[in-house]
Amino acid sequence: MFDFLAKGGVLVGPILLCSVIALALFLERLIRLGRIKIRGNGLVASVSTHVKNGEDRQAFDVASHDPSPMGRILTQAMEVKDQDRETLEAVLVHATESETRELSRYLQALATIGNITPLLGLLGTVLGMIKAFMVIQQMGGKVNAAVLAGGIWEAMLTTALGLAVALPTMVAHSYLSARVDRYEAQLQDGTVAFLKSVSGRDHAGRR
């Protein structure tokens, strides 16, 4: 197999390196996302209940002792809960965006690898074809089909390898992106529920 890949030219190495990096990034994100517990509805309901009952200290303790992304968002929200509504909303938006960026870390790198590996393969094919035609020119008119076919398949090898790396990489990127989008939706639902609980208590207090 090593000898077979070596015939593809100098760009086989970078393509294989991209495949290793893509696999490492996918596994890292898969494990990381698998360990995360968003705890959107349950945690928000608990914190909101304390807020509605005027138990701000207990609400803060529940949120701050929860290591989930939702817990970190609510902790920041509780720190500014008594300020104006615009400040509270700004903190919630910023905290949610920060958690989403953390969840989607390395996804752009996966997308980049999925995009450049076919181009690396194409570049390898072009370089291989140039090399093959240079050999043909050196041979003058004495070109046989075996020489021509051998040069072409070796040149095409990098394109096939680049596509073989790019396809699963893009599938992995799409899968992880879908999971991040789902987590982000849960976080947004949680922040909206928390805002409703705060607004509900403020209205009750004014009455």
N, C-alpha and C. Protein backbone atom coordinates (compact mmCIF):
# COMPACT_ATOMS: atom_id res chain seq x y z
N MET A 1 0.82 -1.20 0.00
CA MET A 1 0.00 0.00 0.00
C MET A 1 0.86 1.26 0.00
N PHE A 2 1.94 1.24 0.77
CA PHE A 2 2.84 2.40 0.81
C PHE A 2 3.46 2.65 -0.56
N ASP A 3 3.90 1.58 -1.20
CA ASP A 3 4.48 1.73 -2.54
C ASP A 3 3.45 2.25 -3.53
N PHE A 4 2.22 1.78 -3.37
CA PHE A 4 1.14 2.21 -4.26
C PHE A 4 0.88 3.71 -4.10
N LEU A 5 0.78 4.18 -2.85
CA LEU A 5 0.53 5.60 -2.60
C LEU A 5 1.72 6.46 -3.01
N ALA A 6 2.92 5.91 -2.87
CA ALA A 6 4.12 6.67 -3.22
C ALA A 6 4.13 7.05 -4.70
N LYS A 7 3.45 6.27 -5.53
CA LYS A 7 3.40 6.57 -6.95
C LYS A 7 2.54 7.80 -7.26
N GLY A 8 1.77 8.26 -6.28
CA GLY A 8 0.90 9.41 -6.51
C GLY A 8 1.61 10.74 -6.52
N GLY A 9 2.83 10.78 -6.06
CA GLY A 9 3.58 12.04 -6.10
C GLY A 9 3.71 12.70 -4.74
N VAL A 10 4.26 13.90 -4.77
CA VAL A 10 4.61 14.59 -3.52
C VAL A 10 3.39 15.04 -2.73
N LEU A 11 2.24 15.21 -3.37
CA LEU A 11 1.06 15.72 -2.67
C LEU A 11 0.28 14.63 -1.95
N VAL A 12 0.69 13.39 -2.10
CA VAL A 12 0.04 12.32 -1.33
C VAL A 12 0.26 12.53 0.16
N GLY A 13 1.48 12.95 0.53
CA GLY A 13 1.79 13.19 1.93
C GLY A 13 0.89 14.23 2.57
N PRO A 14 0.76 15.45 1.99
CA PRO A 14 -0.15 16.44 2.56
C PRO A 14 -1.60 15.97 2.65
N ILE A 15 -2.05 15.20 1.66
CA ILE A 15 -3.43 14.70 1.69
C ILE A 15 -3.61 13.72 2.84
N LEU A 16 -2.64 12.82 3.02
CA LEU A 16 -2.73 11.88 4.13
C LEU A 16 -2.65 12.61 5.47
N LEU A 17 -1.82 13.67 5.54
CA LEU A 17 -1.75 14.46 6.77
C LEU A 17 -3.09 15.11 7.06
N CYS A 18 -3.74 15.62 6.04
CA CYS A 18 -5.08 16.20 6.22
C CYS A 18 -6.07 15.17 6.74
N SER A 19 -5.96 13.94 6.26
CA SER A 19 -6.88 12.90 6.72
C SER A 19 -6.67 12.59 8.20
N VAL A 20 -5.42 12.58 8.63
CA VAL A 20 -5.12 12.32 10.04
C VAL A 20 -5.65 13.45 10.91
N ILE A 21 -5.42 14.69 10.48
CA ILE A 21 -5.90 15.85 11.24
C ILE A 21 -7.43 15.85 11.30
N ALA A 22 -8.07 15.57 10.18
CA ALA A 22 -9.54 15.55 10.14
C ALA A 22 -10.09 14.49 11.09
N LEU A 23 -9.49 13.32 11.09
CA LEU A 23 -9.95 12.26 11.98
C LEU A 23 -9.77 12.66 13.45
N ALA A 24 -8.62 13.28 13.76
CA ALA A 24 -8.36 13.70 15.13
C ALA A 24 -9.37 14.77 15.58
N LEU A 25 -9.65 15.73 14.71
CA LEU A 25 -10.61 16.78 15.05
C LEU A 25 -12.01 16.21 15.23
N PHE A 26 -12.39 15.30 14.35
CA PHE A 26 -13.72 14.70 14.46
C PHE A 26 -13.89 13.93 15.76
N LEU A 27 -12.89 13.13 16.10
CA LEU A 27 -12.98 12.35 17.33
C LEU A 27 -12.99 13.25 18.55
N GLU A 28 -12.17 14.31 18.53
CA GLU A 28 -12.14 15.24 19.67
C GLU A 28 -13.48 15.90 19.88
N ARG A 29 -14.09 16.38 18.79
CA ARG A 29 -15.40 17.03 18.89
C ARG A 29 -16.49 16.04 19.26
N LEU A 30 -16.40 14.83 18.73
CA LEU A 30 -17.41 13.81 19.02
C LEU A 30 -17.39 13.47 20.51
N ILE A 31 -16.22 13.28 21.06
CA ILE A 31 -16.10 12.98 22.49
C ILE A 31 -16.54 14.18 23.33
N ARG A 32 -16.10 15.36 22.92
CA ARG A 32 -16.44 16.58 23.67
C ARG A 32 -17.94 16.81 23.69
N LEU A 33 -18.59 16.73 22.54
CA LEU A 33 -20.03 16.94 22.48
C LEU A 33 -20.79 15.83 23.18
N GLY A 34 -20.22 14.62 23.16
CA GLY A 34 -20.87 13.51 23.84
C GLY A 34 -20.88 13.67 25.34
N ARG A 35 -19.91 14.38 25.88
CA ARG A 35 -19.82 14.57 27.33
C ARG A 35 -20.65 15.75 27.83
N ILE A 36 -21.07 16.62 26.91
CA ILE A 36 -21.79 17.83 27.31
C ILE A 36 -23.24 17.51 27.61
N LYS A 37 -23.71 18.04 28.71
CA LYS A 37 -25.11 17.97 29.06
C LYS A 37 -25.66 19.39 29.09
N ILE A 38 -26.49 19.70 28.12
CA ILE A 38 -27.02 21.06 28.03
C ILE A 38 -27.93 21.37 29.21
N ARG A 39 -28.77 20.41 29.59
CA ARG A 39 -29.68 20.56 30.72
C ARG A 39 -30.51 21.82 30.61
N GLY A 40 -31.05 22.05 29.43
CA GLY A 40 -31.80 23.28 29.20
C GLY A 40 -33.05 23.41 30.05
N ASN A 41 -34.06 22.58 29.77
CA ASN A 41 -35.36 22.75 30.42
C ASN A 41 -35.31 22.49 31.92
N GLY A 42 -34.65 21.41 32.33
CA GLY A 42 -34.64 21.07 33.74
C GLY A 42 -33.96 22.12 34.60
N LEU A 43 -32.78 22.57 34.18
CA LEU A 43 -32.05 23.57 34.95
C LEU A 43 -32.77 24.90 34.94
N VAL A 44 -33.26 25.31 33.79
CA VAL A 44 -33.97 26.58 33.70
C VAL A 44 -35.22 26.57 34.57
N ALA A 45 -35.93 25.45 34.57
CA ALA A 45 -37.13 25.35 35.40
C ALA A 45 -36.80 25.50 36.87
N SER A 46 -35.71 24.87 37.30
CA SER A 46 -35.30 24.96 38.71
C SER A 46 -34.91 26.38 39.07
N VAL A 47 -34.07 27.00 38.24
CA VAL A 47 -33.64 28.38 38.50
C VAL A 47 -34.83 29.33 38.44
N SER A 48 -35.70 29.14 37.46
CA SER A 48 -36.85 30.03 37.30
C SER A 48 -37.78 29.95 38.50
N THR A 49 -37.95 28.77 39.04
CA THR A 49 -38.82 28.60 40.22
C THR A 49 -38.28 29.41 41.39
N HIS A 50 -36.98 29.33 41.62
CA HIS A 50 -36.38 30.12 42.69
C HIS A 50 -36.53 31.61 42.44
N VAL A 51 -36.35 32.01 41.18
CA VAL A 51 -36.47 33.43 40.84
C VAL A 51 -37.89 33.93 41.10
N LYS A 52 -38.87 33.16 40.67
CA LYS A 52 -40.27 33.55 40.87
C LYS A 52 -40.62 33.65 42.34
N ASN A 53 -39.98 32.82 43.16
CA ASN A 53 -40.24 32.85 44.60
C ASN A 53 -39.39 33.87 45.33
N GLY A 54 -38.62 34.65 44.58
CA GLY A 54 -37.78 35.65 45.21
C GLY A 54 -36.53 35.08 45.86
N GLU A 55 -36.18 33.85 45.51
CA GLU A 55 -35.02 33.18 46.12
C GLU A 55 -33.82 33.31 45.19
N ASP A 56 -33.33 34.52 45.05
CA ASP A 56 -32.23 34.78 44.11
C ASP A 56 -30.95 34.07 44.51
N ARG A 57 -30.68 34.01 45.80
CA ARG A 57 -29.46 33.35 46.26
C ARG A 57 -29.46 31.87 45.90
N GLN A 58 -30.61 31.23 46.12
CA GLN A 58 -30.72 29.81 45.78
C GLN A 58 -30.64 29.60 44.27
N ALA A 59 -31.25 30.52 43.51
CA ALA A 59 -31.20 30.41 42.05
C ALA A 59 -29.76 30.53 41.56
N PHE A 60 -29.01 31.47 42.12
CA PHE A 60 -27.61 31.63 41.72
C PHE A 60 -26.79 30.39 42.08
N ASP A 61 -27.04 29.84 43.26
CA ASP A 61 -26.29 28.65 43.68
C ASP A 61 -26.57 27.47 42.76
N VAL A 62 -27.82 27.28 42.38
CA VAL A 62 -28.17 26.17 41.49
C VAL A 62 -27.47 26.33 40.15
N ALA A 63 -27.49 27.55 39.62
CA ALA A 63 -26.87 27.79 38.31
C ALA A 63 -25.35 27.67 38.37
N SER A 64 -24.74 28.26 39.40
CA SER A 64 -23.28 28.30 39.47
C SER A 64 -22.67 26.94 39.76
N HIS A 65 -23.42 26.05 40.40
CA HIS A 65 -22.88 24.73 40.70
C HIS A 65 -23.14 23.72 39.58
N ASP A 66 -23.77 24.18 38.50
CA ASP A 66 -24.02 23.29 37.36
C ASP A 66 -22.95 23.55 36.30
N PRO A 67 -22.17 22.52 35.90
CA PRO A 67 -21.06 22.73 34.97
C PRO A 67 -21.47 22.77 33.50
N SER A 68 -22.74 22.68 33.21
CA SER A 68 -23.19 22.64 31.83
C SER A 68 -23.15 24.03 31.20
N PRO A 69 -23.21 24.11 29.87
CA PRO A 69 -23.28 25.42 29.21
C PRO A 69 -24.45 26.26 29.69
N MET A 70 -25.60 25.63 29.90
CA MET A 70 -26.76 26.36 30.39
C MET A 70 -26.51 26.91 31.78
N GLY A 71 -25.80 26.15 32.61
CA GLY A 71 -25.47 26.61 33.95
C GLY A 71 -24.58 27.85 33.90
N ARG A 72 -23.60 27.85 33.02
CA ARG A 72 -22.71 29.01 32.92
C ARG A 72 -23.45 30.24 32.39
N ILE A 73 -24.38 30.03 31.47
CA ILE A 73 -25.16 31.15 30.95
C ILE A 73 -26.04 31.75 32.03
N LEU A 74 -26.73 30.89 32.77
CA LEU A 74 -27.63 31.39 33.82
C LEU A 74 -26.85 32.03 34.96
N THR A 75 -25.65 31.55 35.23
CA THR A 75 -24.83 32.18 36.26
C THR A 75 -24.52 33.61 35.90
N GLN A 76 -24.13 33.83 34.65
CA GLN A 76 -23.85 35.20 34.21
C GLN A 76 -25.11 36.05 34.22
N ALA A 77 -26.24 35.43 33.87
CA ALA A 77 -27.50 36.18 33.86
C ALA A 77 -27.92 36.58 35.26
N MET A 78 -27.74 35.69 36.23
CA MET A 78 -28.13 36.00 37.60
C MET A 78 -27.29 37.14 38.18
N GLU A 79 -26.06 37.28 37.70
CA GLU A 79 -25.19 38.35 38.20
C GLU A 79 -25.70 39.74 37.80
N VAL A 80 -26.48 39.83 36.73
CA VAL A 80 -26.98 41.13 36.27
C VAL A 80 -28.51 41.16 36.24
N LYS A 81 -29.14 40.21 36.90
CA LYS A 81 -30.59 40.07 36.81
C LYS A 81 -31.33 41.32 37.27
N ASP A 82 -30.78 42.01 38.27
CA ASP A 82 -31.47 43.17 38.83
C ASP A 82 -31.19 44.46 38.07
N GLN A 83 -30.37 44.38 37.03
CA GLN A 83 -30.14 45.55 36.20
C GLN A 83 -31.25 45.67 35.16
N ASP A 84 -31.12 46.65 34.25
CA ASP A 84 -32.18 46.86 33.28
C ASP A 84 -32.29 45.69 32.31
N ARG A 85 -33.44 45.61 31.67
CA ARG A 85 -33.75 44.47 30.79
C ARG A 85 -32.76 44.37 29.63
N GLU A 86 -32.34 45.52 29.08
CA GLU A 86 -31.41 45.50 27.95
C GLU A 86 -30.07 44.88 28.34
N THR A 87 -29.61 45.20 29.52
CA THR A 87 -28.34 44.63 29.99
C THR A 87 -28.46 43.12 30.15
N LEU A 88 -29.56 42.68 30.76
CA LEU A 88 -29.77 41.25 30.96
C LEU A 88 -29.82 40.51 29.63
N GLU A 89 -30.54 41.06 28.66
CA GLU A 89 -30.64 40.42 27.35
C GLU A 89 -29.28 40.38 26.66
N ALA A 90 -28.51 41.47 26.78
CA ALA A 90 -27.19 41.52 26.16
C ALA A 90 -26.26 40.46 26.76
N VAL A 91 -26.32 40.30 28.07
CA VAL A 91 -25.49 39.28 28.73
C VAL A 91 -25.90 37.88 28.28
N LEU A 92 -27.19 37.64 28.19
CA LEU A 92 -27.66 36.32 27.76
C LEU A 92 -27.23 36.02 26.32
N VAL A 93 -27.35 37.01 25.45
CA VAL A 93 -26.96 36.81 24.06
C VAL A 93 -25.46 36.54 23.96
N HIS A 94 -24.68 37.36 24.67
CA HIS A 94 -23.22 37.19 24.62
C HIS A 94 -22.81 35.84 25.19
N ALA A 95 -23.40 35.44 26.32
CA ALA A 95 -23.04 34.15 26.93
C ALA A 95 -23.43 32.99 26.04
N THR A 96 -24.59 33.08 25.40
CA THR A 96 -25.03 32.01 24.50
C THR A 96 -24.10 31.91 23.29
N GLU A 97 -23.71 33.05 22.74
CA GLU A 97 -22.80 33.03 21.60
C GLU A 97 -21.44 32.47 22.00
N SER A 98 -20.97 32.78 23.19
CA SER A 98 -19.68 32.25 23.65
C SER A 98 -19.72 30.73 23.79
N GLU A 99 -20.81 30.23 24.36
CA GLU A 99 -20.94 28.78 24.51
C GLU A 99 -21.07 28.10 23.16
N THR A 100 -21.76 28.73 22.23
CA THR A 100 -21.91 28.15 20.89
C THR A 100 -20.57 28.11 20.17
N ARG A 101 -19.78 29.17 20.33
CA ARG A 101 -18.44 29.17 19.72
C ARG A 101 -17.58 28.05 20.29
N GLU A 102 -17.70 27.81 21.57
CA GLU A 102 -16.94 26.72 22.19
C GLU A 102 -17.40 25.37 21.66
N LEU A 103 -18.71 25.21 21.48
CA LEU A 103 -19.23 23.95 20.96
C LEU A 103 -18.78 23.71 19.51
N SER A 104 -18.68 24.78 18.73
CA SER A 104 -18.35 24.63 17.32
C SER A 104 -16.86 24.78 17.03
N ARG A 105 -16.05 24.74 18.06
CA ARG A 105 -14.60 24.85 17.85
C ARG A 105 -14.12 23.71 16.94
N TYR A 106 -13.22 24.05 16.04
CA TYR A 106 -12.59 23.14 15.09
C TYR A 106 -13.49 22.74 13.92
N LEU A 107 -14.76 23.12 13.95
CA LEU A 107 -15.63 22.75 12.83
C LEU A 107 -15.20 23.45 11.54
N GLN A 108 -14.74 24.69 11.67
CA GLN A 108 -14.28 25.40 10.49
C GLN A 108 -13.03 24.73 9.91
N ALA A 109 -12.18 24.21 10.79
CA ALA A 109 -10.99 23.50 10.33
C ALA A 109 -11.39 22.25 9.55
N LEU A 110 -12.41 21.54 10.03
CA LEU A 110 -12.90 20.37 9.30
C LEU A 110 -13.42 20.77 7.92
N ALA A 111 -14.18 21.85 7.86
CA ALA A 111 -14.71 22.30 6.58
C ALA A 111 -13.57 22.69 5.63
N THR A 112 -12.55 23.33 6.19
CA THR A 112 -11.41 23.72 5.35
C THR A 112 -10.71 22.51 4.77
N ILE A 113 -10.50 21.49 5.60
CA ILE A 113 -9.86 20.26 5.10
C ILE A 113 -10.72 19.60 4.02
N GLY A 114 -12.03 19.59 4.25
CA GLY A 114 -12.91 19.01 3.25
C GLY A 114 -12.89 19.75 1.93
N ASN A 115 -12.59 21.05 1.99
CA ASN A 115 -12.56 21.85 0.76
C ASN A 115 -11.22 21.79 0.04
N ILE A 116 -10.12 21.69 0.80
CA ILE A 116 -8.81 21.79 0.14
C ILE A 116 -8.28 20.44 -0.33
N THR A 117 -8.71 19.35 0.28
CA THR A 117 -8.15 18.06 -0.14
C THR A 117 -8.49 17.70 -1.59
N PRO A 118 -9.69 17.98 -2.11
CA PRO A 118 -9.90 17.72 -3.55
C PRO A 118 -9.01 18.60 -4.42
N LEU A 119 -8.76 19.84 -3.94
CA LEU A 119 -7.90 20.73 -4.73
C LEU A 119 -6.45 20.24 -4.70
N LEU A 120 -6.02 19.73 -3.54
CA LEU A 120 -4.68 19.14 -3.48
C LEU A 120 -4.58 17.95 -4.43
N GLY A 121 -5.63 17.13 -4.45
CA GLY A 121 -5.64 15.99 -5.36
C GLY A 121 -5.60 16.42 -6.81
N LEU A 122 -6.37 17.46 -7.13
CA LEU A 122 -6.37 17.96 -8.51
C LEU A 122 -5.01 18.53 -8.88
N LEU A 123 -4.40 19.25 -7.94
CA LEU A 123 -3.08 19.78 -8.21
C LEU A 123 -2.07 18.65 -8.45
N GLY A 124 -2.19 17.60 -7.64
CA GLY A 124 -1.31 16.45 -7.83
C GLY A 124 -1.50 15.81 -9.19
N THR A 125 -2.75 15.73 -9.63
CA THR A 125 -3.04 15.16 -10.95
C THR A 125 -2.44 16.02 -12.06
N VAL A 126 -2.60 17.33 -11.94
CA VAL A 126 -2.04 18.23 -12.96
C VAL A 126 -0.52 18.10 -13.02
N LEU A 127 0.12 18.07 -11.84
CA LEU A 127 1.57 17.91 -11.82
C LEU A 127 1.98 16.56 -12.42
N GLY A 128 1.21 15.53 -12.11
CA GLY A 128 1.51 14.21 -12.67
C GLY A 128 1.35 14.17 -14.17
N MET A 129 0.31 14.83 -14.67
CA MET A 129 0.10 14.87 -16.12
C MET A 129 1.22 15.65 -16.81
N ILE A 130 1.65 16.73 -16.18
CA ILE A 130 2.77 17.49 -16.75
C ILE A 130 4.01 16.61 -16.84
N LYS A 131 4.25 15.87 -15.76
CA LYS A 131 5.41 14.97 -15.74
C LYS A 131 5.28 13.90 -16.81
N ALA A 132 4.07 13.36 -16.97
CA ALA A 132 3.86 12.31 -17.97
C ALA A 132 4.10 12.83 -19.38
N PHE A 133 3.61 14.01 -19.68
CA PHE A 133 3.79 14.57 -21.02
C PHE A 133 5.23 14.98 -21.27
N MET A 134 5.94 15.34 -20.21
CA MET A 134 7.37 15.62 -20.37
C MET A 134 8.12 14.36 -20.79
N VAL A 135 7.72 13.23 -20.18
CA VAL A 135 8.33 11.95 -20.54
C VAL A 135 8.01 11.61 -21.99
N ILE A 136 6.76 11.84 -22.37
CA ILE A 136 6.35 11.56 -23.75
C ILE A 136 7.16 12.41 -24.74
N GLN A 137 7.36 13.68 -24.38
CA GLN A 137 8.14 14.55 -25.26
C GLN A 137 9.58 14.06 -25.40
N GLN A 138 10.14 13.60 -24.27
CA GLN A 138 11.52 13.11 -24.31
C GLN A 138 11.65 11.85 -25.17
N MET A 139 10.57 11.08 -25.21
CA MET A 139 10.61 9.84 -25.99
C MET A 139 10.36 10.09 -27.48
N GLY A 140 10.02 11.30 -27.82
CA GLY A 140 9.78 11.62 -29.23
C GLY A 140 8.51 10.92 -29.73
N GLY A 141 8.61 10.33 -30.85
CA GLY A 141 7.44 9.66 -31.40
C GLY A 141 7.30 8.22 -30.98
N LYS A 142 8.22 7.74 -30.16
CA LYS A 142 8.19 6.34 -29.75
C LYS A 142 7.43 6.18 -28.43
N VAL A 143 6.14 6.45 -28.44
CA VAL A 143 5.30 6.38 -27.24
C VAL A 143 4.38 5.18 -27.37
N ASN A 144 4.42 4.31 -26.37
CA ASN A 144 3.50 3.17 -26.40
C ASN A 144 2.38 3.40 -25.38
N ALA A 145 1.32 2.67 -25.56
CA ALA A 145 0.13 2.86 -24.73
C ALA A 145 0.40 2.57 -23.26
N ALA A 146 1.27 1.60 -22.99
CA ALA A 146 1.55 1.23 -21.60
C ALA A 146 2.20 2.38 -20.84
N VAL A 147 3.15 3.05 -21.47
CA VAL A 147 3.81 4.18 -20.82
C VAL A 147 2.81 5.30 -20.56
N LEU A 148 1.99 5.60 -21.58
CA LEU A 148 1.01 6.68 -21.45
C LEU A 148 -0.03 6.37 -20.36
N ALA A 149 -0.55 5.13 -20.36
CA ALA A 149 -1.55 4.75 -19.37
C ALA A 149 -0.97 4.77 -17.97
N GLY A 150 0.27 4.29 -17.81
CA GLY A 150 0.90 4.28 -16.49
C GLY A 150 1.06 5.67 -15.93
N GLY A 151 1.48 6.62 -16.76
CA GLY A 151 1.63 7.99 -16.29
C GLY A 151 0.30 8.62 -15.91
N ILE A 152 -0.75 8.29 -16.65
CA ILE A 152 -2.06 8.89 -16.38
C ILE A 152 -2.64 8.35 -15.08
N TRP A 153 -2.60 7.02 -14.86
CA TRP A 153 -3.23 6.50 -13.64
C TRP A 153 -2.47 6.94 -12.40
N GLU A 154 -1.17 7.08 -12.52
CA GLU A 154 -0.43 7.58 -11.38
C GLU A 154 -0.81 9.03 -11.08
N ALA A 155 -1.04 9.80 -12.11
CA ALA A 155 -1.44 11.19 -11.93
C ALA A 155 -2.84 11.29 -11.31
N MET A 156 -3.75 10.41 -11.75
CA MET A 156 -5.13 10.44 -11.25
C MET A 156 -5.24 9.95 -9.82
N LEU A 157 -4.22 9.28 -9.33
CA LEU A 157 -4.26 8.71 -7.98
C LEU A 157 -4.49 9.77 -6.91
N THR A 158 -3.87 10.93 -7.06
CA THR A 158 -4.02 11.96 -6.02
C THR A 158 -5.44 12.53 -6.01
N THR A 159 -6.05 12.66 -7.16
CA THR A 159 -7.44 13.13 -7.19
C THR A 159 -8.36 12.17 -6.46
N ALA A 160 -8.20 10.88 -6.73
CA ALA A 160 -9.02 9.88 -6.04
C ALA A 160 -8.77 9.92 -4.53
N LEU A 161 -7.51 10.07 -4.13
CA LEU A 161 -7.19 10.11 -2.72
C LEU A 161 -7.76 11.37 -2.06
N GLY A 162 -7.67 12.51 -2.76
CA GLY A 162 -8.23 13.74 -2.22
C GLY A 162 -9.73 13.65 -2.01
N LEU A 163 -10.43 13.06 -2.98
CA LEU A 163 -11.88 12.88 -2.84
C LEU A 163 -12.21 11.89 -1.72
N ALA A 164 -11.38 10.86 -1.59
CA ALA A 164 -11.62 9.86 -0.54
C ALA A 164 -11.49 10.47 0.85
N VAL A 165 -10.66 11.48 0.99
CA VAL A 165 -10.51 12.17 2.27
C VAL A 165 -11.61 13.22 2.45
N ALA A 166 -11.93 13.93 1.38
CA ALA A 166 -12.88 15.04 1.47
C ALA A 166 -14.30 14.58 1.78
N LEU A 167 -14.74 13.50 1.17
CA LEU A 167 -16.14 13.07 1.34
C LEU A 167 -16.48 12.74 2.79
N PRO A 168 -15.75 11.85 3.47
CA PRO A 168 -16.08 11.59 4.87
C PRO A 168 -15.86 12.79 5.78
N THR A 169 -14.90 13.66 5.41
CA THR A 169 -14.66 14.86 6.21
C THR A 169 -15.87 15.78 6.17
N MET A 170 -16.45 15.97 5.00
CA MET A 170 -17.62 16.83 4.88
C MET A 170 -18.84 16.21 5.56
N VAL A 171 -18.96 14.89 5.50
CA VAL A 171 -20.05 14.22 6.22
C VAL A 171 -19.88 14.43 7.72
N ALA A 172 -18.66 14.29 8.21
CA ALA A 172 -18.39 14.50 9.63
C ALA A 172 -18.70 15.94 10.03
N HIS A 173 -18.32 16.89 9.19
CA HIS A 173 -18.60 18.29 9.47
C HIS A 173 -20.09 18.56 9.54
N SER A 174 -20.85 18.01 8.61
CA SER A 174 -22.30 18.20 8.60
C SER A 174 -22.94 17.59 9.84
N TYR A 175 -22.48 16.42 10.24
CA TYR A 175 -23.03 15.76 11.43
C TYR A 175 -22.77 16.58 12.69
N LEU A 176 -21.53 17.04 12.86
CA LEU A 176 -21.19 17.82 14.04
C LEU A 176 -21.90 19.16 14.03
N SER A 177 -22.03 19.78 12.87
CA SER A 177 -22.72 21.07 12.77
C SER A 177 -24.19 20.92 13.17
N ALA A 178 -24.81 19.82 12.77
CA ALA A 178 -26.20 19.58 13.14
C ALA A 178 -26.35 19.44 14.65
N ARG A 179 -25.40 18.76 15.29
CA ARG A 179 -25.46 18.62 16.74
C ARG A 179 -25.27 19.96 17.43
N VAL A 180 -24.35 20.76 16.94
CA VAL A 180 -24.12 22.09 17.52
C VAL A 180 -25.37 22.96 17.36
N ASP A 181 -25.99 22.91 16.19
CA ASP A 181 -27.22 23.68 15.96
C ASP A 181 -28.32 23.26 16.93
N ARG A 182 -28.40 21.96 17.18
CA ARG A 182 -29.42 21.48 18.11
C ARG A 182 -29.14 21.97 19.53
N TYR A 183 -27.88 21.94 19.93
CA TYR A 183 -27.51 22.44 21.25
C TYR A 183 -27.77 23.95 21.36
N GLU A 184 -27.44 24.67 20.30
CA GLU A 184 -27.66 26.12 20.32
C GLU A 184 -29.15 26.43 20.47
N ALA A 185 -30.00 25.68 19.80
CA ALA A 185 -31.45 25.89 19.92
C ALA A 185 -31.91 25.64 21.35
N GLN A 186 -31.37 24.62 22.00
CA GLN A 186 -31.73 24.35 23.39
C GLN A 186 -31.29 25.48 24.31
N LEU A 187 -30.11 26.02 24.06
CA LEU A 187 -29.63 27.14 24.88
C LEU A 187 -30.51 28.37 24.68
N GLN A 188 -30.88 28.64 23.44
CA GLN A 188 -31.74 29.80 23.18
C GLN A 188 -33.11 29.62 23.83
N ASP A 189 -33.66 28.41 23.76
CA ASP A 189 -34.94 28.15 24.43
C ASP A 189 -34.83 28.38 25.92
N GLY A 190 -33.70 27.96 26.49
CA GLY A 190 -33.50 28.15 27.93
C GLY A 190 -33.41 29.61 28.32
N THR A 191 -32.70 30.40 27.53
CA THR A 191 -32.57 31.82 27.86
C THR A 191 -33.92 32.54 27.73
N VAL A 192 -34.73 32.16 26.75
CA VAL A 192 -36.05 32.76 26.60
C VAL A 192 -36.93 32.41 27.80
N ALA A 193 -36.88 31.16 28.25
CA ALA A 193 -37.66 30.75 29.41
C ALA A 193 -37.22 31.50 30.66
N PHE A 194 -35.92 31.71 30.79
CA PHE A 194 -35.42 32.45 31.95
C PHE A 194 -35.89 33.90 31.91
N LEU A 195 -35.84 34.53 30.75
CA LEU A 195 -36.32 35.91 30.62
C LEU A 195 -37.80 36.01 30.98
N LYS A 196 -38.59 35.03 30.58
CA LYS A 196 -40.01 35.03 30.91
C LYS A 196 -40.23 34.95 32.42
N SER A 197 -39.42 34.14 33.08
CA SER A 197 -39.57 34.02 34.53
C SER A 197 -39.21 35.32 35.24
N VAL A 198 -38.15 35.98 34.76
CA VAL A 198 -37.77 37.26 35.36
C VAL A 198 -38.84 38.31 35.10
N SER A 199 -39.37 38.35 33.88
CA SER A 199 -40.41 39.32 33.56
C SER A 199 -41.67 39.05 34.36
N GLY A 200 -41.98 37.77 34.53
CA GLY A 200 -43.16 37.41 35.31
C GLY A 200 -43.06 37.87 36.75
N ARG A 201 -41.88 37.74 37.33
CA ARG A 201 -41.72 38.17 38.72
C ARG A 201 -41.78 39.69 38.83
N ASP A 202 -41.19 40.38 37.82
CA ASP A 202 -41.21 41.84 37.85
C ASP A 202 -42.65 42.36 37.76
N HIS A 203 -43.45 41.73 36.90
CA HIS A 203 -44.85 42.17 36.78
C HIS A 203 -45.62 41.89 38.05
N ALA A 204 -45.36 40.71 38.65
CA ALA A 204 -46.05 40.37 39.90
C ALA A 204 -45.66 41.35 41.01
N GLY A 205 -44.36 41.74 41.01
CA GLY A 205 -43.90 42.67 42.04
C GLY A 205 -44.53 44.03 41.90
N ARG A 206 -44.74 44.47 40.65
CA ARG A 206 -45.35 45.79 40.45
C ARG A 206 -46.82 45.79 40.84
N ARG A 207 -47.48 44.63 40.66
CA ARG A 207 -48.89 44.57 41.06
C ARG A 207 -49.01 44.59 42.59
